[in-house]
Amino acid sequence: MAGAQPGLPHASGRDTEEWHEELIRLAGSAAFDASVASVASEAVRRCHAGLLTVREMRLVLLATGDASGWASARRVVIEALAANQEMAWQVLVMHSQLEVWPPPKFLTQQAPAGAGPGTTGRVTFGPAGSQVTGPAERALSRPEAKARAALALLAWLAGVTVPGQERAGGCEVDRLALPGMVTEVFDQCLRQALAAADGPGQELEEELRRRARAGRLRHRDMYLLLFDARGEAWAEVRTAALERAASMPPAAARLLHWHAEHHGEEDGVTYEESPSDAEGRHQVRVHLQAERAWTGPARTAWSRKTARHYAACALLAEVSGLPEPTAPVKDEPERAKRITLPAQPEDSVKYLNKHHQRGAISKLKASVRAVGARWECAYSCWHTATGAPVLATATGQGKIQARQAAALELLHKLCSLESPERTVPAPNGQDRPRAALEVPRSFRTGTQ
């Protein structure tokens, strides 16, 4: 039942994928017109044929409105789940994952006196702080009791009765409500509101606030709000989106990258980093090339990553036309990342790149040129802990040998920076004190 067959014709000639998209589009519709009625009847047909997926069951049960046509579809889905009760738990798990909720829990409880052997329990389900608990169900085994409890809760949320538990007169149960919109319905409402160029409206605005408070705004939601929404009516929820991005590094940088890519700039975000100041703090500003060139204000932090995040938040606020948010992220001096030398016969260039990945040195710059019958390679970088520029040059019979020798020479010079009093063995076996370190004038003046 859980696996739909791709390409299965819809009653009106549309295939499975097209119908699925139509279900997403119309599931949250307040009206029940001919289009919605067609989708509801197709859901019934697919369910009877065993072709409704778990995700589609979830939409029918938990996203559809209270119109009688949808109620009939929900009843048919519950009947199908009653014949395969383990799938009811799968529906709850999938919904929790897609909504970024805590996973459902099966809570056992003491059985009534004289109940005999077996397990009794209920299922708790929903967003943190607003969870609901379903009816108690009992079965001989724990897995069976869990499946029955999941089905009972789903039926309550769908506003229908479990087969075999019908009420006198055929009355359905009052539908148990969970707070907020189902994600697919939220997506539709947000895009429709943006396309209409109006404000979000009360219901959507409340949902946006709810998702922002709970940390459930996704990157794509934040991007739409910051770069597509305009007007005073959107100001509050756009500010909430920016604050959310500021609280979850590196979200601000990712949104800037997306904005650059949207304008055809694959490498449109770059960082300008200054050497650490006297207290060891990092100063960073971000450059963005998108619909035009942007240069953000410099921001300082103890941690290099935090300084980058602060700078990205500042530029994101500027580009989106909002006040700069406070980024509630941890900032403290980084632990020193010591430079170590490679063991033979490890590749010196790869070893140097590992130190860059660890943040111990800046991105490497290299140049190679022919010198007579030999090759000369020069490597340069900044040492993160001290902010010192370092350059090393070496020669070899070929390009590879020259690169390896220059990389090893640079590693030795970097090691000498970390312990001024000690000496480190030079590549030729002679000891070289730190005072012998030579830095070219271009590095001493601060250019890289």
Protein backbone atom coordinates (compact mmCIF):
# COMPACT_ATOMS: atom_id res chain seq x y z
CA MET A 1 0.00 0.00 0.00
CA ALA A 2 2.84 2.37 0.76
CA GLY A 3 4.38 2.29 -2.69
CA ALA A 4 2.61 4.15 -5.47
CA GLN A 5 3.29 3.06 -9.02
CA PRO A 6 4.97 5.85 -11.02
CA GLY A 7 3.05 6.92 -14.06
CA LEU A 8 -0.29 5.40 -12.99
CA PRO A 9 -2.97 7.30 -14.96
CA HIS A 10 -5.24 9.65 -13.06
CA ALA A 11 -8.95 9.41 -13.78
CA SER A 12 -8.65 12.64 -15.78
CA GLY A 13 -5.47 11.59 -17.59
CA ARG A 14 -2.91 13.05 -15.15
CA ASP A 15 -0.10 10.84 -13.85
CA THR A 16 0.86 10.03 -10.27
CA GLU A 17 3.38 12.83 -9.78
CA GLU A 18 1.00 15.42 -11.16
CA TRP A 19 -1.80 14.20 -8.92
CA HIS A 20 0.50 14.22 -5.88
CA GLU A 21 1.40 17.87 -6.56
CA GLU A 22 -2.29 18.66 -6.97
CA LEU A 23 -3.04 17.01 -3.62
CA ILE A 24 -0.37 19.18 -1.98
CA ARG A 25 -1.78 22.30 -3.63
CA LEU A 26 -5.41 21.68 -2.68
CA ALA A 27 -5.23 19.75 0.61
CA GLY A 28 -5.36 22.91 2.72
CA SER A 29 -7.99 24.67 0.62
CA ALA A 30 -10.81 26.15 2.67
CA ALA A 31 -13.23 25.77 -0.24
CA PHE A 32 -14.47 22.43 -1.58
CA ASP A 33 -15.09 23.11 -5.25
CA ALA A 34 -15.03 20.78 -8.24
CA SER A 35 -11.21 20.68 -8.38
CA VAL A 36 -10.91 19.75 -4.71
CA ALA A 37 -13.72 17.19 -5.04
CA SER A 38 -11.84 15.56 -7.93
CA VAL A 39 -8.66 15.26 -5.87
CA ALA A 40 -10.59 13.85 -2.88
CA SER A 41 -12.33 11.22 -5.00
CA GLU A 42 -9.01 10.27 -6.60
CA ALA A 43 -7.53 9.81 -3.10
CA VAL A 44 -10.36 7.40 -2.32
CA ARG A 45 -9.80 5.51 -5.57
CA ARG A 46 -6.06 5.21 -4.99
CA CYS A 47 -6.56 4.12 -1.40
CA HIS A 48 -8.97 1.34 -2.43
CA ALA A 49 -6.41 0.25 -5.04
CA GLY A 50 -3.62 0.18 -2.43
CA LEU A 51 -1.68 2.91 -4.22
CA LEU A 52 -1.73 5.73 -1.67
CA THR A 53 1.74 6.41 -0.22
CA VAL A 54 2.39 7.05 3.47
CA ARG A 55 3.07 10.71 2.69
CA GLU A 56 -0.21 11.02 0.81
CA MET A 57 -2.08 9.32 3.66
CA ARG A 58 -0.54 11.87 5.99
CA LEU A 59 -1.78 14.75 3.83
CA VAL A 60 -5.30 13.36 3.55
CA LEU A 61 -5.57 12.67 7.28
CA LEU A 62 -3.82 15.71 8.74
CA ALA A 63 -3.85 18.51 6.15
CA THR A 64 -7.34 18.44 4.66
CA GLY A 65 -10.26 20.59 5.75
CA ASP A 66 -13.56 19.69 7.36
CA ALA A 67 -15.70 19.53 4.20
CA SER A 68 -17.72 16.32 3.89
CA GLY A 69 -15.83 15.23 0.77
CA TRP A 70 -12.53 15.24 2.62
CA ALA A 71 -14.12 13.54 5.64
CA SER A 72 -15.12 10.62 3.39
CA ALA A 73 -11.56 10.36 2.09
CA ARG A 74 -10.14 10.40 5.61
CA ARG A 75 -12.54 7.64 6.65
CA VAL A 76 -11.39 5.44 3.77
CA VAL A 77 -7.72 5.98 4.71
CA ILE A 78 -8.37 5.05 8.34
CA GLU A 79 -10.15 1.89 7.18
CA ALA A 80 -7.09 1.01 5.09
CA LEU A 81 -4.78 1.62 8.04
CA ALA A 82 -6.97 -0.51 10.29
CA ALA A 83 -6.15 -3.43 7.98
CA ASN A 84 -2.42 -2.66 8.27
CA GLN A 85 -2.02 -0.99 11.66
CA GLU A 86 1.78 -0.82 11.66
CA MET A 87 1.52 1.87 8.96
CA ALA A 88 -0.32 4.19 11.36
CA TRP A 89 2.87 4.59 13.37
CA GLN A 90 4.79 5.27 10.13
CA VAL A 91 2.38 8.10 9.30
CA LEU A 92 2.97 9.71 12.72
CA VAL A 93 6.76 9.34 12.44
CA MET A 94 6.85 10.83 8.95
CA HIS A 95 4.68 13.76 10.01
CA SER A 96 6.94 14.47 13.00
CA GLN A 97 10.04 14.41 10.80
CA LEU A 98 8.58 16.70 8.13
CA GLU A 99 7.24 19.14 10.71
CA VAL A 100 10.47 19.05 12.78
CA TRP A 101 8.61 17.88 15.86
CA PRO A 102 9.77 15.51 18.59
CA PRO A 103 9.15 11.89 17.56
CA PRO A 104 5.89 10.31 18.73
CA LYS A 105 6.08 8.34 21.96
CA PHE A 106 4.20 5.27 23.10
CA LEU A 107 3.57 5.52 26.83
CA THR A 108 2.48 2.38 28.65
CA GLN A 109 0.19 2.56 31.64
CA GLN A 110 -1.14 0.25 34.31
CA ALA A 111 -3.85 -2.04 33.03
CA PRO A 112 -7.31 -2.01 34.64
CA ALA A 113 -7.92 -4.57 37.36
CA GLY A 114 -8.72 -7.98 35.94
CA ALA A 115 -7.61 -7.03 32.44
CA GLY A 116 -5.41 -10.11 32.08
CA PRO A 117 -2.08 -10.30 30.24
CA GLY A 118 -1.17 -7.64 27.72
CA THR A 119 0.04 -4.06 27.30
CA THR A 120 -1.96 -0.85 27.61
CA GLY A 121 -0.70 2.48 26.36
CA ARG A 122 -1.29 5.79 24.60
CA VAL A 123 0.60 7.71 21.94
CA THR A 124 1.81 11.27 22.58
CA PHE A 125 2.34 13.36 19.46
CA GLY A 126 2.78 16.96 18.33
CA PRO A 127 5.04 20.01 18.60
CA ALA A 128 7.00 20.60 21.80
CA GLY A 129 4.80 22.30 24.35
CA SER A 130 1.55 21.52 22.50
CA GLN A 131 1.51 17.74 22.30
CA VAL A 132 -1.69 15.72 22.32
CA THR A 133 -2.28 12.25 23.75
CA GLY A 134 -4.51 9.69 22.09
CA PRO A 135 -6.90 7.15 23.60
CA ALA A 136 -5.57 4.21 25.59
CA GLU A 137 -5.42 0.96 23.64
CA ARG A 138 -4.67 -2.56 24.84
CA ALA A 139 -3.29 -5.65 23.11
CA LEU A 140 -1.47 -8.85 23.99
CA SER A 141 1.92 -7.55 22.76
CA ARG A 142 3.56 -4.14 23.08
CA PRO A 143 4.03 -3.68 19.27
CA GLU A 144 0.35 -4.44 18.67
CA ALA A 145 -0.75 -2.09 21.44
CA LYS A 146 1.49 0.65 20.03
CA ALA A 147 0.07 0.21 16.51
CA ARG A 148 -3.51 0.27 17.80
CA ALA A 149 -2.82 3.40 19.89
CA ALA A 150 -1.27 5.14 16.85
CA LEU A 151 -4.33 4.27 14.74
CA ALA A 152 -6.69 5.53 17.45
CA LEU A 153 -4.85 8.86 17.67
CA LEU A 154 -4.76 9.27 13.87
CA ALA A 155 -8.50 8.58 13.68
CA TRP A 156 -9.15 11.22 16.33
CA LEU A 157 -6.98 13.74 14.48
CA ALA A 158 -8.86 12.88 11.27
CA GLY A 159 -12.25 13.23 12.95
CA VAL A 160 -13.41 9.70 12.13
CA THR A 161 -13.94 6.53 14.12
CA VAL A 162 -11.83 3.40 13.98
CA PRO A 163 -13.67 0.55 12.23
CA GLY A 164 -15.49 -1.55 14.81
CA GLN A 165 -15.80 1.37 17.24
CA GLU A 166 -18.59 3.26 15.46
CA ARG A 167 -20.89 5.39 17.58
CA ALA A 168 -24.62 4.93 17.78
CA GLY A 169 -26.36 6.73 14.92
CA GLY A 170 -23.17 6.79 12.84
CA CYS A 171 -21.88 10.06 14.37
CA GLU A 172 -18.20 10.84 13.91
CA VAL A 173 -15.93 12.02 16.71
CA ASP A 174 -15.06 15.69 17.17
CA ARG A 175 -11.80 16.28 15.33
CA LEU A 176 -8.75 16.78 17.54
CA ALA A 177 -6.77 19.81 16.37
CA LEU A 178 -3.01 20.36 16.37
CA PRO A 179 -1.64 23.92 16.31
CA GLY A 180 -0.40 25.42 13.07
CA MET A 181 -0.32 24.47 9.42
CA VAL A 182 1.02 21.32 7.83
CA THR A 183 4.30 22.17 6.09
CA GLU A 184 2.98 21.65 2.56
CA VAL A 185 -0.01 23.90 3.29
CA PHE A 186 2.31 26.50 4.80
CA ASP A 187 4.48 26.43 1.65
CA GLN A 188 1.46 27.01 -0.55
CA CYS A 189 0.13 29.86 1.59
CA LEU A 190 3.52 31.60 1.75
CA ARG A 191 4.10 31.45 -2.01
CA GLN A 192 0.55 32.55 -2.79
CA ALA A 193 0.86 35.53 -0.44
CA LEU A 194 4.18 36.54 -1.99
CA ALA A 195 2.77 36.21 -5.50
CA ALA A 196 -0.22 38.36 -4.57
CA ALA A 197 2.14 41.12 -3.41
CA ASP A 198 -0.03 41.69 -0.34
CA GLY A 199 0.74 41.16 3.32
CA PRO A 200 0.86 37.66 4.83
CA GLY A 201 -2.61 37.85 6.40
CA GLN A 202 -3.38 36.98 10.00
CA GLU A 203 -3.29 33.17 9.75
CA LEU A 204 -0.04 33.01 7.79
CA GLU A 205 1.58 35.68 9.96
CA GLU A 206 0.75 33.68 13.10
CA GLU A 207 2.20 30.55 11.49
CA LEU A 208 5.39 32.38 10.51
CA ARG A 209 5.80 33.67 14.05
CA ARG A 210 5.14 30.20 15.46
CA ARG A 211 7.73 28.60 13.21
CA ALA A 212 10.29 31.32 13.95
CA ARG A 213 9.82 30.93 17.72
CA ALA A 214 10.15 27.16 17.50
CA GLY A 215 13.21 27.33 15.22
CA ARG A 216 11.27 25.67 12.37
CA LEU A 217 11.84 28.28 9.67
CA ARG A 218 13.88 26.57 6.97
CA HIS A 219 16.58 28.24 4.89
CA ARG A 220 14.25 28.47 1.90
CA ASP A 221 11.55 30.10 4.06
CA MET A 222 14.05 32.68 5.31
CA TYR A 223 15.28 33.31 1.77
CA LEU A 224 11.75 33.98 0.46
CA LEU A 225 10.98 36.31 3.34
CA LEU A 226 14.23 38.27 3.15
CA PHE A 227 14.57 38.58 -0.63
CA ASP A 228 11.05 38.24 -2.06
CA ALA A 229 8.74 39.76 0.57
CA ARG A 230 8.46 43.54 0.49
CA GLY A 231 6.27 46.09 2.20
CA GLU A 232 5.50 47.16 5.74
CA ALA A 233 3.02 44.31 6.25
CA TRP A 234 5.91 41.82 6.03
CA ALA A 235 8.33 43.76 8.26
CA GLU A 236 7.73 41.85 11.49
CA VAL A 237 8.01 38.34 10.03
CA ARG A 238 11.01 39.36 7.87
CA THR A 239 12.74 40.59 11.03
CA ALA A 240 11.92 37.26 12.70
CA ALA A 241 13.46 35.43 9.73
CA LEU A 242 16.63 37.51 9.95
CA GLU A 243 16.89 36.89 13.69
CA ARG A 244 16.47 33.17 13.05
CA ALA A 245 19.28 33.22 10.48
CA ALA A 246 21.49 35.07 12.97
CA SER A 247 20.90 32.39 15.60
CA MET A 248 21.96 29.44 13.42
CA PRO A 249 25.38 29.94 11.77
CA PRO A 250 26.24 29.66 8.94
CA ALA A 251 22.67 30.39 7.74
CA ALA A 252 23.39 34.05 6.96
CA ALA A 253 26.33 33.14 4.74
CA ARG A 254 24.31 30.44 2.99
CA LEU A 255 21.49 32.88 2.21
CA LEU A 256 24.00 35.34 0.76
CA HIS A 257 25.46 32.56 -1.40
CA TRP A 258 21.99 31.67 -2.67
CA HIS A 259 21.34 35.33 -3.50
CA ALA A 260 24.60 35.53 -5.45
CA GLU A 261 23.82 32.29 -7.32
CA HIS A 262 20.34 33.61 -8.13
CA HIS A 263 22.08 36.43 -10.00
CA GLY A 264 24.49 34.09 -11.79
CA GLU A 265 27.47 34.57 -9.46
CA GLU A 266 28.81 31.17 -8.42
CA ASP A 267 31.57 32.69 -6.25
CA GLY A 268 29.74 35.88 -5.35
CA VAL A 269 30.52 35.81 -1.62
CA THR A 270 34.06 36.52 -0.43
CA TYR A 271 35.57 37.36 2.95
CA GLU A 272 38.10 40.05 3.70
CA GLU A 273 39.97 39.07 6.84
CA SER A 274 42.43 41.23 8.71
CA PRO A 275 45.16 39.76 10.92
CA SER A 276 44.21 39.32 14.56
CA ASP A 277 44.45 42.49 16.63
CA ALA A 278 46.64 42.94 19.72
CA GLU A 279 44.07 41.13 21.86
CA GLY A 280 43.79 38.24 19.42
CA ARG A 281 40.36 39.08 17.98
CA HIS A 282 39.54 38.51 14.31
CA GLN A 283 38.13 41.23 12.06
CA VAL A 284 36.13 40.25 8.98
CA ARG A 285 33.97 41.94 6.36
CA VAL A 286 31.94 40.23 3.61
CA HIS A 287 31.76 41.19 -0.07
CA LEU A 288 28.74 40.16 -2.14
CA GLN A 289 28.40 40.28 -5.92
CA ALA A 290 24.72 39.88 -6.87
CA GLU A 291 22.41 42.41 -8.54
CA ARG A 292 25.21 44.82 -7.65
CA ALA A 293 28.35 44.84 -5.58
CA TRP A 294 27.91 45.01 -1.82
CA THR A 295 30.56 45.45 0.88
CA GLY A 296 29.44 44.82 4.43
CA PRO A 297 30.75 46.47 7.58
CA ALA A 298 33.67 44.93 9.43
CA ARG A 299 32.79 42.82 12.47
CA THR A 300 35.11 41.54 15.20
CA ALA A 301 35.01 38.44 17.39
CA TRP A 302 37.34 36.20 19.33
CA SER A 303 36.56 33.27 17.09
CA ARG A 304 37.32 33.50 13.38
CA LYS A 305 34.13 31.59 12.51
CA THR A 306 32.07 33.85 14.74
CA ALA A 307 33.59 36.96 13.18
CA ARG A 308 32.62 35.62 9.76
CA HIS A 309 29.09 34.96 10.98
CA TYR A 310 28.76 38.44 12.51
CA ALA A 311 29.96 39.98 9.23
CA ALA A 312 27.56 37.85 7.16
CA CYS A 313 24.64 38.84 9.42
CA ALA A 314 25.54 42.51 9.08
CA LEU A 315 25.62 42.34 5.28
CA LEU A 316 22.46 40.21 5.10
CA ALA A 317 20.63 42.85 7.14
CA GLU A 318 21.92 45.59 4.84
CA VAL A 319 20.92 43.76 1.65
CA SER A 320 17.45 42.93 2.99
CA GLY A 321 16.91 46.45 4.31
CA LEU A 322 16.43 45.43 7.95
CA PRO A 323 18.14 46.42 11.22
CA GLU A 324 21.17 44.31 12.03
CA PRO A 325 20.18 41.53 14.47
CA THR A 326 22.01 40.38 17.55
CA ALA A 327 23.61 37.05 16.80
CA PRO A 328 23.18 34.91 19.93
CA VAL A 329 26.12 32.62 19.23
CA LYS A 330 28.97 31.56 21.47
CA ASP A 331 32.12 33.63 21.07
CA GLU A 332 35.29 32.88 22.97
CA PRO A 333 38.98 32.74 22.11
CA GLU A 334 39.80 29.76 19.98
CA ARG A 335 42.13 27.13 21.33
CA ALA A 336 45.49 27.33 19.65
CA LYS A 337 45.83 24.92 16.74
CA ARG A 338 49.44 23.84 16.80
CA ILE A 339 51.38 23.32 13.60
CA THR A 340 52.94 19.86 13.34
CA LEU A 341 55.35 18.40 10.82
CA PRO A 342 54.50 15.45 8.58
CA ALA A 343 56.02 12.06 9.12
CA GLN A 344 57.96 10.64 6.21
CA PRO A 345 56.87 9.84 3.56
CA GLU A 346 53.64 11.86 3.98
CA ASP A 347 52.77 14.40 1.30
CA SER A 348 53.84 17.85 2.58
CA VAL A 349 51.38 19.75 0.38
CA LYS A 350 48.40 17.69 1.61
CA TYR A 351 49.63 18.08 5.18
CA LEU A 352 49.79 21.85 4.75
CA ASN A 353 46.24 21.88 3.37
CA LYS A 354 45.07 19.95 6.43
CA HIS A 355 46.33 22.80 8.64
CA HIS A 356 44.29 25.21 6.51
CA GLN A 357 41.17 23.07 6.94
CA ARG A 358 41.74 23.11 10.71
CA GLY A 359 41.95 26.90 10.62
CA ALA A 360 45.57 27.02 11.79
CA ILE A 361 46.61 28.96 8.68
CA SER A 362 44.87 31.03 6.01
CA LYS A 363 44.23 29.86 2.46
CA LEU A 364 47.50 29.10 0.73
CA LYS A 365 48.87 31.06 -2.20
CA ALA A 366 51.35 29.37 -4.50
CA SER A 367 53.46 30.24 -7.53
CA VAL A 368 55.72 28.02 -9.61
CA ARG A 369 58.30 29.08 -12.19
CA ALA A 370 61.13 27.55 -14.13
CA VAL A 371 64.65 28.57 -13.05
CA GLY A 372 67.10 27.20 -15.56
CA ALA A 373 66.88 23.42 -15.52
CA ARG A 374 65.05 23.41 -12.17
CA TRP A 375 61.68 24.59 -10.86
CA GLU A 376 61.07 27.06 -8.05
CA CYS A 377 57.90 27.09 -5.92
CA ALA A 378 56.81 29.74 -3.39
CA TYR A 379 54.06 29.19 -0.79
CA SER A 380 52.62 31.97 1.40
CA CYS A 381 49.91 32.19 4.05
CA TRP A 382 48.96 33.88 7.32
CA HIS A 383 49.54 32.13 10.65
CA THR A 384 46.16 32.28 12.43
CA ALA A 385 47.40 32.30 16.04
CA THR A 386 49.86 35.17 15.60
CA GLY A 387 48.56 36.91 12.47
CA ALA A 388 52.05 36.73 11.01
CA PRO A 389 52.56 36.38 7.24
CA VAL A 390 54.89 33.57 6.21
CA LEU A 391 56.58 32.85 2.89
CA ALA A 392 58.73 29.88 1.91
CA THR A 393 60.56 29.19 -1.34
CA ALA A 394 62.31 26.04 -2.52
CA THR A 395 63.54 24.44 -5.73
CA GLY A 396 63.39 20.94 -7.17
CA GLN A 397 64.12 18.97 -10.30
CA GLY A 398 60.40 19.03 -11.22
CA LYS A 399 57.26 20.92 -10.25
CA ILE A 400 56.13 18.23 -7.80
CA GLN A 401 59.50 18.13 -6.04
CA ALA A 402 59.58 21.92 -5.83
CA ARG A 403 56.07 22.05 -4.33
CA GLN A 404 56.90 19.37 -1.76
CA ALA A 405 60.10 21.13 -0.73
CA ALA A 406 58.41 24.56 -0.47
CA ALA A 407 55.52 23.11 1.54
CA LEU A 408 57.89 21.46 3.99
CA GLU A 409 59.92 24.67 4.29
CA LEU A 410 56.73 26.61 5.05
CA LEU A 411 55.72 24.07 7.71
CA HIS A 412 59.09 24.51 9.43
CA LYS A 413 58.72 28.29 9.43
CA LEU A 414 55.19 28.02 10.82
CA CYS A 415 56.42 25.73 13.60
CA SER A 416 59.10 28.26 14.52
CA LEU A 417 56.42 30.92 15.05
CA GLU A 418 54.68 28.91 17.76
CA SER A 419 57.72 28.50 20.02
CA PRO A 420 60.02 31.54 19.77
CA GLU A 421 62.61 30.14 22.19
CA ARG A 422 63.06 26.77 20.54
CA THR A 423 64.64 25.87 17.25
CA VAL A 424 63.23 23.53 14.66
CA PRO A 425 65.20 21.29 12.35
CA ALA A 426 65.62 22.74 8.89
CA PRO A 427 65.11 20.50 5.87
CA ASN A 428 68.88 20.17 5.41
CA GLY A 429 69.32 18.93 8.98
CA GLN A 430 70.65 22.20 10.44
CA ASP A 431 68.88 23.95 13.29
CA ARG A 432 67.33 27.29 12.39
CA PRO A 433 66.30 29.81 15.12
CA ARG A 434 63.09 31.81 14.76
CA ALA A 435 65.12 35.01 14.20
CA ALA A 436 66.19 33.62 10.83
CA LEU A 437 62.61 33.88 9.50
CA GLU A 438 62.54 36.22 6.53
CA VAL A 439 59.28 37.86 5.49
CA PRO A 440 59.13 39.85 2.25
CA ARG A 441 58.22 43.54 2.33
CA SER A 442 54.82 42.97 0.68
CA PHE A 443 53.80 40.84 3.65
CA ARG A 444 55.19 43.27 6.23
CA THR A 445 53.04 46.05 4.82
CA GLY A 446 49.89 43.96 5.23
CA THR A 447 49.21 43.03 1.59
CA GLN A 448 48.59 39.41 0.74
